[in-house]
Amino acid sequence: MRVVPPALERLIQDLSKLPGIGKKTATRLALHIMRSPAEEARSLAADLAELHIAVKLCSTCFIFSETDPCKICSDHSRNSEVVCVVEGSDDLLAIEKTGAYHGLYHILHGVLAPMDGIGPDEIKIKELVERIKHRKIGEILIATSSTVPGEATASYLAMVLSREPVKVTRLACGIPMGMDIKYADEVTLARAIETRRESK
């Protein structure tokens, strides 16, 4: 005998497709929505329906935005000669939170993963090269993750961009603030040594 109504079961199935949401969490969320006022559920449904209509990719940096160019690309107070290359919008948001970077961005929308069929043509590398050719850019800061695919992507970008008249830098990686050196893993410690800089 089916205990869960079909409509609720469909919502649970839909929610469980979201990253990081398992069946148990999806059930809890679905039941919360069910217990909420109908107006809140309708508002959520309307927001979801409008998402793909209102939000597009910025044609310059490829962030999700309701305007083209996006607010960052159209901000004349930012340094337009430095472009930070990130894997996704969440990486951009993390960098923006620091308040330490004031240049522009380029979102790849992924990393190279040949085993998964993701090569250079599947992410926004050609668009980055075209951007360099047609705009005054002095530095490309590669800020991909320090995972194997992230490092492979960074190496490939450095090779491709070596043919362009632009300085290529890499986001430094190493020991986090407050961490005792003896607790750092070998890879993190090695990267910290490799990316060391002069003390002032």
N, C-alpha and C. Protein backbone atom coordinates (compact mmCIF):
# COMPACT_ATOMS: atom_id res chain seq x y z
N MET A 1 0.84 -1.20 0.00
CA MET A 1 0.00 0.00 0.00
C MET A 1 0.88 1.25 0.00
N ARG A 2 0.58 2.17 -0.91
CA ARG A 2 1.35 3.41 -1.00
C ARG A 2 0.92 4.38 0.10
N VAL A 3 1.89 4.79 0.94
CA VAL A 3 1.62 5.71 2.05
C VAL A 3 1.80 7.16 1.60
N VAL A 4 2.84 7.42 0.82
CA VAL A 4 3.14 8.79 0.37
C VAL A 4 2.32 9.11 -0.88
N PRO A 5 1.58 10.22 -0.87
CA PRO A 5 0.81 10.60 -2.06
C PRO A 5 1.73 10.79 -3.27
N PRO A 6 1.28 10.43 -4.46
CA PRO A 6 2.12 10.52 -5.65
C PRO A 6 2.73 11.92 -5.88
N ALA A 7 1.96 12.98 -5.64
CA ALA A 7 2.47 14.34 -5.86
C ALA A 7 3.64 14.64 -4.91
N LEU A 8 3.52 14.19 -3.68
CA LEU A 8 4.58 14.39 -2.70
C LEU A 8 5.80 13.54 -3.05
N GLU A 9 5.55 12.33 -3.51
CA GLU A 9 6.64 11.44 -3.92
C GLU A 9 7.42 12.04 -5.10
N ARG A 10 6.70 12.66 -6.06
CA ARG A 10 7.37 13.28 -7.20
C ARG A 10 8.26 14.44 -6.74
N LEU A 11 7.77 15.23 -5.77
CA LEU A 11 8.56 16.35 -5.23
C LEU A 11 9.81 15.82 -4.53
N ILE A 12 9.67 14.75 -3.76
CA ILE A 12 10.82 14.14 -3.09
C ILE A 12 11.86 13.69 -4.12
N GLN A 13 11.38 13.05 -5.19
CA GLN A 13 12.29 12.58 -6.25
C GLN A 13 13.01 13.77 -6.90
N ASP A 14 12.29 14.85 -7.16
CA ASP A 14 12.89 16.03 -7.78
C ASP A 14 13.93 16.66 -6.86
N LEU A 15 13.61 16.79 -5.59
CA LEU A 15 14.54 17.41 -4.64
C LEU A 15 15.78 16.56 -4.43
N SER A 16 15.63 15.23 -4.48
CA SER A 16 16.77 14.35 -4.27
C SER A 16 17.77 14.38 -5.44
N LYS A 17 17.38 15.00 -6.55
CA LYS A 17 18.30 15.16 -7.69
C LYS A 17 19.27 16.31 -7.48
N LEU A 18 18.99 17.17 -6.49
CA LEU A 18 19.87 18.31 -6.22
C LEU A 18 21.16 17.83 -5.56
N PRO A 19 22.30 18.49 -5.85
CA PRO A 19 23.57 18.04 -5.26
C PRO A 19 23.55 18.15 -3.74
N GLY A 20 24.03 17.09 -3.10
CA GLY A 20 24.12 17.08 -1.64
C GLY A 20 22.82 16.78 -0.93
N ILE A 21 21.76 16.50 -1.68
CA ILE A 21 20.45 16.21 -1.08
C ILE A 21 20.13 14.73 -1.29
N GLY A 22 20.12 13.99 -0.20
CA GLY A 22 19.75 12.57 -0.26
C GLY A 22 18.25 12.41 -0.10
N LYS A 23 17.80 11.16 -0.12
CA LYS A 23 16.37 10.87 -0.03
C LYS A 23 15.78 11.35 1.30
N LYS A 24 16.54 11.20 2.40
CA LYS A 24 16.04 11.59 3.71
C LYS A 24 15.86 13.12 3.80
N THR A 25 16.88 13.87 3.33
CA THR A 25 16.79 15.33 3.34
C THR A 25 15.70 15.81 2.39
N ALA A 26 15.59 15.16 1.23
CA ALA A 26 14.56 15.53 0.26
C ALA A 26 13.17 15.33 0.85
N THR A 27 13.00 14.25 1.60
CA THR A 27 11.71 13.99 2.25
C THR A 27 11.40 15.07 3.29
N ARG A 28 12.42 15.44 4.09
CA ARG A 28 12.23 16.48 5.11
C ARG A 28 11.86 17.81 4.45
N LEU A 29 12.54 18.17 3.36
CA LEU A 29 12.24 19.42 2.66
C LEU A 29 10.84 19.41 2.05
N ALA A 30 10.50 18.27 1.44
CA ALA A 30 9.17 18.15 0.82
C ALA A 30 8.06 18.28 1.86
N LEU A 31 8.25 17.64 3.02
CA LEU A 31 7.25 17.73 4.08
C LEU A 31 7.17 19.15 4.65
N HIS A 32 8.31 19.83 4.72
CA HIS A 32 8.30 21.23 5.17
C HIS A 32 7.49 22.10 4.21
N ILE A 33 7.72 21.90 2.90
CA ILE A 33 6.97 22.66 1.89
C ILE A 33 5.48 22.34 2.00
N MET A 34 5.16 21.07 2.25
CA MET A 34 3.76 20.64 2.37
C MET A 34 3.08 21.29 3.56
N ARG A 35 3.83 21.42 4.66
CA ARG A 35 3.26 22.02 5.87
C ARG A 35 3.20 23.55 5.81
N SER A 36 3.97 24.14 4.91
CA SER A 36 3.98 25.61 4.78
C SER A 36 2.69 26.10 4.14
N PRO A 37 2.37 27.39 4.31
CA PRO A 37 1.18 27.93 3.65
C PRO A 37 1.27 27.75 2.13
N ALA A 38 0.13 27.52 1.52
CA ALA A 38 0.08 27.28 0.07
C ALA A 38 0.70 28.44 -0.71
N GLU A 39 0.58 29.67 -0.19
CA GLU A 39 1.12 30.85 -0.86
C GLU A 39 2.65 30.78 -0.97
N GLU A 40 3.29 30.27 0.09
CA GLU A 40 4.75 30.11 0.08
C GLU A 40 5.17 29.08 -0.98
N ALA A 41 4.43 27.99 -1.07
CA ALA A 41 4.73 26.96 -2.06
C ALA A 41 4.55 27.50 -3.47
N ARG A 42 3.47 28.30 -3.68
CA ARG A 42 3.25 28.89 -5.00
C ARG A 42 4.35 29.88 -5.36
N SER A 43 4.81 30.65 -4.36
CA SER A 43 5.89 31.61 -4.58
C SER A 43 7.19 30.89 -4.96
N LEU A 44 7.49 29.79 -4.27
CA LEU A 44 8.68 28.99 -4.58
C LEU A 44 8.59 28.44 -6.00
N ALA A 45 7.42 27.91 -6.35
CA ALA A 45 7.22 27.35 -7.70
C ALA A 45 7.37 28.42 -8.77
N ALA A 46 6.85 29.63 -8.51
CA ALA A 46 6.95 30.73 -9.47
C ALA A 46 8.40 31.16 -9.63
N ASP A 47 9.14 31.22 -8.51
CA ASP A 47 10.56 31.61 -8.59
C ASP A 47 11.36 30.59 -9.40
N LEU A 48 11.07 29.31 -9.19
CA LEU A 48 11.76 28.27 -9.94
C LEU A 48 11.42 28.34 -11.44
N ALA A 49 10.16 28.59 -11.73
CA ALA A 49 9.72 28.68 -13.13
C ALA A 49 10.36 29.86 -13.85
N GLU A 50 10.57 30.95 -13.11
CA GLU A 50 11.12 32.17 -13.73
C GLU A 50 12.64 32.14 -13.86
N LEU A 51 13.28 31.25 -13.12
CA LEU A 51 14.74 31.23 -13.04
C LEU A 51 15.41 31.19 -14.42
N HIS A 52 15.01 30.25 -15.27
CA HIS A 52 15.66 30.10 -16.57
C HIS A 52 15.23 31.17 -17.57
N ILE A 53 14.19 31.91 -17.25
CA ILE A 53 13.75 33.00 -18.12
C ILE A 53 14.51 34.28 -17.77
N ALA A 54 14.63 34.57 -16.47
CA ALA A 54 15.23 35.83 -16.01
C ALA A 54 16.75 35.80 -15.99
N VAL A 55 17.34 34.63 -15.69
CA VAL A 55 18.80 34.56 -15.52
C VAL A 55 19.46 33.93 -16.74
N LYS A 56 20.44 34.64 -17.27
CA LYS A 56 21.20 34.17 -18.44
C LYS A 56 22.69 34.22 -18.10
N LEU A 57 23.52 33.83 -19.06
CA LEU A 57 24.96 33.95 -18.89
C LEU A 57 25.42 35.31 -19.41
N CYS A 58 26.29 35.96 -18.65
CA CYS A 58 26.92 37.19 -19.13
C CYS A 58 27.77 36.79 -20.34
N SER A 59 27.66 37.53 -21.43
CA SER A 59 28.38 37.17 -22.65
C SER A 59 29.88 37.46 -22.57
N THR A 60 30.31 38.14 -21.50
CA THR A 60 31.73 38.45 -21.33
C THR A 60 32.40 37.46 -20.38
N CYS A 61 31.88 37.33 -19.16
CA CYS A 61 32.55 36.48 -18.16
C CYS A 61 31.84 35.14 -17.93
N PHE A 62 30.59 35.03 -18.38
CA PHE A 62 29.79 33.80 -18.27
C PHE A 62 29.29 33.49 -16.86
N ILE A 63 29.12 34.53 -16.04
CA ILE A 63 28.45 34.35 -14.75
C ILE A 63 26.95 34.37 -15.00
N PHE A 64 26.17 33.74 -14.12
CA PHE A 64 24.72 33.84 -14.20
C PHE A 64 24.31 35.26 -13.81
N SER A 65 23.51 35.89 -14.64
CA SER A 65 23.16 37.29 -14.40
C SER A 65 21.83 37.62 -15.06
N GLU A 66 21.16 38.64 -14.53
CA GLU A 66 19.92 39.11 -15.15
C GLU A 66 20.21 40.23 -16.15
N THR A 67 21.46 40.71 -16.17
CA THR A 67 21.84 41.75 -17.13
C THR A 67 23.04 41.27 -17.94
N ASP A 68 23.20 41.84 -19.13
CA ASP A 68 24.34 41.51 -19.98
C ASP A 68 24.89 42.81 -20.58
N PRO A 69 26.09 43.24 -20.19
CA PRO A 69 27.02 42.56 -19.29
C PRO A 69 26.54 42.58 -17.85
N CYS A 70 27.15 41.68 -17.05
CA CYS A 70 26.76 41.57 -15.64
C CYS A 70 27.25 42.79 -14.85
N LYS A 71 26.87 42.86 -13.58
CA LYS A 71 27.26 43.99 -12.74
C LYS A 71 28.76 44.10 -12.55
N ILE A 72 29.46 42.96 -12.49
CA ILE A 72 30.91 43.00 -12.32
C ILE A 72 31.58 43.51 -13.58
N CYS A 73 31.20 42.97 -14.74
CA CYS A 73 31.82 43.38 -16.00
C CYS A 73 31.53 44.85 -16.34
N SER A 74 30.41 45.36 -15.88
CA SER A 74 30.05 46.75 -16.20
C SER A 74 30.49 47.74 -15.12
N ASP A 75 31.19 47.24 -14.09
CA ASP A 75 31.67 48.10 -13.00
C ASP A 75 33.00 48.73 -13.41
N HIS A 76 32.99 50.02 -13.73
CA HIS A 76 34.19 50.70 -14.23
C HIS A 76 35.23 50.95 -13.14
N SER A 77 34.88 50.71 -11.88
CA SER A 77 35.86 50.89 -10.81
C SER A 77 36.78 49.67 -10.67
N ARG A 78 36.45 48.58 -11.35
CA ARG A 78 37.27 47.37 -11.26
C ARG A 78 38.41 47.43 -12.28
N ASN A 79 39.48 46.70 -11.99
CA ASN A 79 40.64 46.65 -12.88
C ASN A 79 40.35 45.71 -14.05
N SER A 80 40.08 46.26 -15.20
CA SER A 80 39.68 45.45 -16.37
C SER A 80 40.87 44.76 -17.04
N GLU A 81 42.08 45.04 -16.58
CA GLU A 81 43.26 44.42 -17.20
C GLU A 81 43.66 43.12 -16.52
N VAL A 82 43.00 42.79 -15.41
CA VAL A 82 43.27 41.53 -14.71
C VAL A 82 42.01 40.68 -14.73
N VAL A 83 42.13 39.44 -15.20
CA VAL A 83 40.99 38.53 -15.28
C VAL A 83 41.31 37.26 -14.49
N CYS A 84 40.46 36.96 -13.53
CA CYS A 84 40.60 35.75 -12.71
C CYS A 84 39.76 34.64 -13.32
N VAL A 85 40.39 33.52 -13.63
CA VAL A 85 39.71 32.39 -14.25
C VAL A 85 39.32 31.38 -13.17
N VAL A 86 38.02 31.11 -13.06
CA VAL A 86 37.51 30.18 -12.04
C VAL A 86 36.69 29.07 -12.71
N GLU A 87 36.46 28.01 -11.95
CA GLU A 87 35.71 26.87 -12.49
C GLU A 87 34.22 27.17 -12.58
N GLY A 88 33.66 27.81 -11.53
CA GLY A 88 32.22 28.03 -11.49
C GLY A 88 31.86 29.29 -10.72
N SER A 89 30.57 29.62 -10.76
CA SER A 89 30.07 30.82 -10.10
C SER A 89 30.30 30.80 -8.59
N ASP A 90 30.26 29.61 -7.98
CA ASP A 90 30.48 29.52 -6.53
C ASP A 90 31.90 29.92 -6.16
N ASP A 91 32.87 29.64 -7.06
CA ASP A 91 34.26 30.06 -6.82
C ASP A 91 34.37 31.58 -6.88
N LEU A 92 33.68 32.17 -7.84
CA LEU A 92 33.67 33.63 -7.96
C LEU A 92 33.11 34.27 -6.69
N LEU A 93 32.01 33.73 -6.19
CA LEU A 93 31.40 34.27 -4.99
C LEU A 93 32.34 34.15 -3.78
N ALA A 94 33.08 33.05 -3.70
CA ALA A 94 34.02 32.87 -2.60
C ALA A 94 35.14 33.91 -2.66
N ILE A 95 35.64 34.18 -3.86
CA ILE A 95 36.70 35.18 -4.02
C ILE A 95 36.17 36.58 -3.72
N GLU A 96 34.96 36.87 -4.19
CA GLU A 96 34.36 38.19 -3.94
C GLU A 96 34.18 38.45 -2.45
N LYS A 97 33.86 37.42 -1.68
CA LYS A 97 33.65 37.57 -0.23
C LYS A 97 34.91 38.07 0.47
N THR A 98 36.09 37.75 -0.08
CA THR A 98 37.33 38.16 0.58
C THR A 98 37.54 39.67 0.49
N GLY A 99 37.01 40.31 -0.55
CA GLY A 99 37.22 41.74 -0.75
C GLY A 99 38.64 42.07 -1.17
N ALA A 100 39.45 41.05 -1.47
CA ALA A 100 40.86 41.26 -1.79
C ALA A 100 41.13 41.37 -3.29
N TYR A 101 40.16 41.00 -4.10
CA TYR A 101 40.35 41.01 -5.56
C TYR A 101 39.44 42.04 -6.18
N HIS A 102 39.99 42.86 -7.11
CA HIS A 102 39.22 43.95 -7.70
C HIS A 102 39.26 43.94 -9.23
N GLY A 103 39.61 42.79 -9.80
CA GLY A 103 39.62 42.68 -11.25
C GLY A 103 38.34 42.07 -11.78
N LEU A 104 38.39 41.54 -12.99
CA LEU A 104 37.24 40.89 -13.62
C LEU A 104 37.40 39.37 -13.54
N TYR A 105 36.43 38.65 -14.08
CA TYR A 105 36.42 37.19 -13.99
C TYR A 105 36.16 36.56 -15.36
N HIS A 106 36.49 35.26 -15.41
CA HIS A 106 36.08 34.43 -16.55
C HIS A 106 35.73 33.07 -15.97
N ILE A 107 34.49 32.64 -16.18
CA ILE A 107 34.03 31.36 -15.61
C ILE A 107 34.09 30.27 -16.68
N LEU A 108 34.83 29.21 -16.37
CA LEU A 108 35.00 28.11 -17.32
C LEU A 108 33.78 27.20 -17.40
N HIS A 109 33.00 27.13 -16.34
CA HIS A 109 31.87 26.21 -16.22
C HIS A 109 32.33 24.76 -16.31
N GLY A 110 33.37 24.46 -15.52
CA GLY A 110 33.86 23.10 -15.44
C GLY A 110 35.37 23.03 -15.49
N VAL A 111 35.88 21.80 -15.46
CA VAL A 111 37.31 21.55 -15.58
C VAL A 111 37.51 20.41 -16.58
N LEU A 112 38.74 20.27 -17.05
CA LEU A 112 39.04 19.20 -17.98
C LEU A 112 38.93 17.85 -17.26
N ALA A 113 38.18 16.95 -17.83
CA ALA A 113 38.00 15.61 -17.27
C ALA A 113 37.78 14.64 -18.43
N PRO A 114 38.87 14.26 -19.13
CA PRO A 114 38.76 13.40 -20.32
C PRO A 114 37.98 12.11 -20.09
N MET A 115 38.10 11.53 -18.88
CA MET A 115 37.39 10.27 -18.60
C MET A 115 35.87 10.48 -18.60
N ASP A 116 35.44 11.71 -18.34
CA ASP A 116 34.01 12.04 -18.35
C ASP A 116 33.60 12.71 -19.65
N GLY A 117 34.50 12.73 -20.62
CA GLY A 117 34.20 13.33 -21.92
C GLY A 117 34.22 14.85 -21.92
N ILE A 118 34.90 15.46 -20.93
CA ILE A 118 34.97 16.93 -20.88
C ILE A 118 36.36 17.36 -21.31
N GLY A 119 36.43 17.85 -22.54
CA GLY A 119 37.69 18.35 -23.10
C GLY A 119 37.67 19.87 -23.19
N PRO A 120 38.67 20.46 -23.81
CA PRO A 120 38.75 21.93 -23.93
C PRO A 120 37.53 22.57 -24.60
N ASP A 121 36.89 21.85 -25.51
CA ASP A 121 35.74 22.42 -26.22
C ASP A 121 34.47 22.45 -25.37
N GLU A 122 34.46 21.70 -24.27
CA GLU A 122 33.27 21.64 -23.42
C GLU A 122 33.25 22.73 -22.35
N ILE A 123 34.36 23.39 -22.13
CA ILE A 123 34.40 24.50 -21.16
C ILE A 123 34.83 25.77 -21.89
N LYS A 124 34.74 26.91 -21.24
CA LYS A 124 34.89 28.21 -21.91
C LYS A 124 36.34 28.66 -22.08
N ILE A 125 37.17 27.80 -22.71
CA ILE A 125 38.58 28.16 -22.94
C ILE A 125 38.73 28.99 -24.21
N LYS A 126 38.06 28.59 -25.28
CA LYS A 126 38.14 29.36 -26.55
C LYS A 126 37.67 30.78 -26.33
N GLU A 127 36.62 30.92 -25.52
CA GLU A 127 36.07 32.25 -25.24
C GLU A 127 37.08 33.12 -24.48
N LEU A 128 37.86 32.48 -23.60
CA LEU A 128 38.89 33.22 -22.87
C LEU A 128 39.98 33.72 -23.81
N VAL A 129 40.42 32.86 -24.72
CA VAL A 129 41.44 33.25 -25.70
C VAL A 129 40.94 34.39 -26.57
N GLU A 130 39.69 34.30 -27.03
CA GLU A 130 39.10 35.37 -27.84
C GLU A 130 39.02 36.67 -27.05
N ARG A 131 38.70 36.56 -25.79
CA ARG A 131 38.61 37.75 -24.93
C ARG A 131 39.97 38.44 -24.84
N ILE A 132 41.03 37.65 -24.70
CA ILE A 132 42.38 38.21 -24.61
C ILE A 132 42.76 38.91 -25.91
N LYS A 133 42.37 38.31 -27.02
CA LYS A 133 42.72 38.88 -28.34
C LYS A 133 42.02 40.22 -28.60
N HIS A 134 40.81 40.39 -28.06
CA HIS A 134 40.02 41.57 -28.40
C HIS A 134 39.91 42.61 -27.30
N ARG A 135 40.49 42.35 -26.14
CA ARG A 135 40.43 43.31 -25.05
C ARG A 135 41.81 43.53 -24.47
N LYS A 136 41.98 44.66 -23.80
CA LYS A 136 43.27 45.00 -23.21
C LYS A 136 43.39 44.29 -21.85
N ILE A 137 44.01 43.11 -21.88
CA ILE A 137 44.17 42.32 -20.66
C ILE A 137 45.66 42.09 -20.43
N GLY A 138 46.13 42.43 -19.24
CA GLY A 138 47.55 42.30 -18.93
C GLY A 138 47.89 41.05 -18.14
N GLU A 139 46.91 40.55 -17.35
CA GLU A 139 47.18 39.38 -16.50
C GLU A 139 45.98 38.46 -16.42
N ILE A 140 46.27 37.17 -16.52
CA ILE A 140 45.27 36.14 -16.28
C ILE A 140 45.66 35.41 -15.00
N LEU A 141 44.79 35.48 -14.00
CA LEU A 141 45.02 34.78 -12.73
C LEU A 141 44.21 33.48 -12.76
N ILE A 142 44.90 32.36 -12.83
CA ILE A 142 44.21 31.06 -12.87
C ILE A 142 43.89 30.65 -11.43
N ALA A 143 42.61 30.51 -11.13
CA ALA A 143 42.16 30.18 -9.78
C ALA A 143 41.32 28.91 -9.76
N THR A 144 41.79 27.89 -10.48
CA THR A 144 41.10 26.60 -10.43
C THR A 144 41.50 25.89 -9.14
N SER A 145 40.74 24.89 -8.75
CA SER A 145 41.00 24.18 -7.50
C SER A 145 42.29 23.37 -7.59
N SER A 146 42.77 22.92 -6.44
CA SER A 146 44.02 22.15 -6.41
C SER A 146 43.75 20.64 -6.51
N THR A 147 42.59 20.28 -7.05
CA THR A 147 42.29 18.87 -7.33
C THR A 147 43.05 18.46 -8.60
N VAL A 148 43.06 17.16 -8.90
CA VAL A 148 43.76 16.69 -10.11
C VAL A 148 43.16 17.33 -11.37
N PRO A 149 41.81 17.33 -11.53
CA PRO A 149 41.26 18.00 -12.72
C PRO A 149 41.53 19.51 -12.74
N GLY A 150 41.48 20.14 -11.55
CA GLY A 150 41.76 21.58 -11.46
C GLY A 150 43.18 21.91 -11.87
N GLU A 151 44.13 21.09 -11.41
CA GLU A 151 45.54 21.28 -11.75
C GLU A 151 45.78 21.02 -13.23
N ALA A 152 45.12 19.98 -13.77
CA ALA A 152 45.26 19.68 -15.20
C ALA A 152 44.73 20.83 -16.05
N THR A 153 43.62 21.41 -15.61
CA THR A 153 43.03 22.54 -16.32
C THR A 153 43.95 23.75 -16.26
N ALA A 154 44.54 24.00 -15.09
CA ALA A 154 45.47 25.12 -14.92
C ALA A 154 46.68 24.95 -15.83
N SER A 155 47.22 23.74 -15.89
CA SER A 155 48.39 23.47 -16.74
C SER A 155 48.06 23.66 -18.21
N TYR A 156 46.88 23.18 -18.61
CA TYR A 156 46.46 23.33 -20.01
C TYR A 156 46.27 24.81 -20.36
N LEU A 157 45.64 25.55 -19.45
CA LEU A 157 45.45 26.99 -19.69
C LEU A 157 46.78 27.71 -19.81
N ALA A 158 47.72 27.38 -18.92
CA ALA A 158 49.05 28.02 -18.96
C ALA A 158 49.72 27.75 -20.30
N MET A 159 49.58 26.52 -20.82
CA MET A 159 50.18 26.17 -22.11
C MET A 159 49.53 26.96 -23.24
N VAL A 160 48.19 26.99 -23.25
CA VAL A 160 47.46 27.70 -24.31
C VAL A 160 47.77 29.20 -24.27
N LEU A 161 47.80 29.76 -23.06
CA LEU A 161 47.98 31.20 -22.92
C LEU A 161 49.43 31.65 -23.08
N SER A 162 50.37 30.69 -23.10
CA SER A 162 51.78 31.04 -23.31
C SER A 162 52.00 31.63 -24.70
N ARG A 163 51.05 31.38 -25.60
CA ARG A 163 51.15 31.92 -26.97
C ARG A 163 50.55 33.32 -27.08
N GLU A 164 49.94 33.78 -25.99
CA GLU A 164 49.28 35.09 -26.00
C GLU A 164 50.12 36.13 -25.24
N PRO A 165 50.00 37.41 -25.62
CA PRO A 165 50.79 38.46 -24.96
C PRO A 165 50.18 38.87 -23.61
N VAL A 166 50.16 37.92 -22.67
CA VAL A 166 49.54 38.17 -21.39
C VAL A 166 50.33 37.45 -20.29
N LYS A 167 50.41 38.07 -19.12
CA LYS A 167 51.08 37.46 -17.97
C LYS A 167 50.11 36.46 -17.36
N VAL A 168 50.60 35.24 -17.08
CA VAL A 168 49.76 34.20 -16.50
C VAL A 168 50.25 33.91 -15.08
N THR A 169 49.35 34.05 -14.10
CA THR A 169 49.68 33.74 -12.72
C THR A 169 48.73 32.67 -12.21
N ARG A 170 49.11 32.04 -11.09
CA ARG A 170 48.31 30.96 -10.51
C ARG A 170 48.01 31.31 -9.06
N LEU A 171 46.80 31.08 -8.64
CA LEU A 171 46.43 31.30 -7.25
C LEU A 171 47.32 30.44 -6.36
N ALA A 172 47.96 31.07 -5.37
CA ALA A 172 48.86 30.34 -4.48
C ALA A 172 48.06 29.38 -3.60
N CYS A 173 48.64 28.23 -3.34
CA CYS A 173 48.01 27.25 -2.46
C CYS A 173 49.00 26.89 -1.36
N GLY A 174 48.52 26.54 -0.21
CA GLY A 174 49.44 26.15 0.85
C GLY A 174 48.74 25.91 2.16
N ILE A 175 49.43 26.24 3.24
CA ILE A 175 48.94 25.95 4.59
C ILE A 175 47.90 26.98 5.00
N PRO A 176 46.72 26.53 5.44
CA PRO A 176 45.68 27.47 5.87
C PRO A 176 46.10 28.26 7.11
N MET A 177 45.53 29.46 7.27
CA MET A 177 45.79 30.28 8.46
C MET A 177 45.40 29.50 9.71
N GLY A 178 46.27 29.54 10.72
CA GLY A 178 45.96 28.90 11.99
C GLY A 178 46.30 27.43 12.06
N MET A 179 46.80 26.86 10.94
CA MET A 179 47.12 25.43 10.95
C MET A 179 48.56 25.20 11.38
N ASP A 180 48.76 24.23 12.25
CA ASP A 180 50.10 23.85 12.68
C ASP A 180 50.74 23.06 11.54
N ILE A 181 51.99 23.40 11.18
CA ILE A 181 52.66 22.76 10.04
C ILE A 181 52.69 21.24 10.16
N LYS A 182 52.88 20.73 11.38
CA LYS A 182 53.01 19.27 11.52
C LYS A 182 51.73 18.51 11.15
N TYR A 183 50.59 19.23 11.09
CA TYR A 183 49.32 18.58 10.73
C TYR A 183 48.99 18.69 9.24
N ALA A 184 49.81 19.42 8.49
CA ALA A 184 49.56 19.58 7.05
C ALA A 184 49.93 18.29 6.31
N ASP A 185 49.13 17.92 5.32
CA ASP A 185 49.48 16.74 4.53
C ASP A 185 50.65 17.07 3.60
N GLU A 186 51.28 16.04 3.04
CA GLU A 186 52.48 16.22 2.24
C GLU A 186 52.25 17.08 1.00
N VAL A 187 51.11 16.88 0.32
CA VAL A 187 50.82 17.63 -0.90
C VAL A 187 50.64 19.12 -0.58
N THR A 188 49.90 19.41 0.49
CA THR A 188 49.67 20.81 0.88
C THR A 188 50.98 21.47 1.27
N LEU A 189 51.81 20.76 2.03
CA LEU A 189 53.09 21.30 2.47
C LEU A 189 54.03 21.53 1.28
N ALA A 190 54.04 20.58 0.35
CA ALA A 190 54.88 20.72 -0.84
C ALA A 190 54.44 21.92 -1.67
N ARG A 191 53.13 22.10 -1.82
CA ARG A 191 52.61 23.23 -2.59
C ARG A 191 52.96 24.55 -1.90
N ALA A 192 52.91 24.57 -0.58
CA ALA A 192 53.26 25.78 0.18
C ALA A 192 54.72 26.15 -0.06
N ILE A 193 55.59 25.15 -0.13
CA ILE A 193 57.01 25.40 -0.38
C ILE A 193 57.22 25.91 -1.81
N GLU A 194 56.53 25.27 -2.76
CA GLU A 194 56.66 25.66 -4.17
C GLU A 194 56.18 27.08 -4.42
N THR A 195 55.14 27.50 -3.72
CA THR A 195 54.55 28.81 -3.96
C THR A 195 55.02 29.85 -2.94
N ARG A 196 56.16 29.57 -2.28
CA ARG A 196 56.67 30.51 -1.29
C ARG A 196 57.00 31.85 -1.95
N ARG A 197 56.93 32.92 -1.16
CA ARG A 197 57.27 34.25 -1.66
C ARG A 197 58.20 34.95 -0.68
N GLU A 198 58.80 36.01 -1.15
CA GLU A 198 59.75 36.74 -0.32
C GLU A 198 59.03 37.40 0.85
N SER A 199 59.62 37.30 2.04
CA SER A 199 59.04 37.91 3.23
C SER A 199 59.45 39.37 3.30
N LYS A 200 58.47 40.26 3.55
CA LYS A 200 58.76 41.70 3.58
C LYS A 200 58.65 42.25 4.98
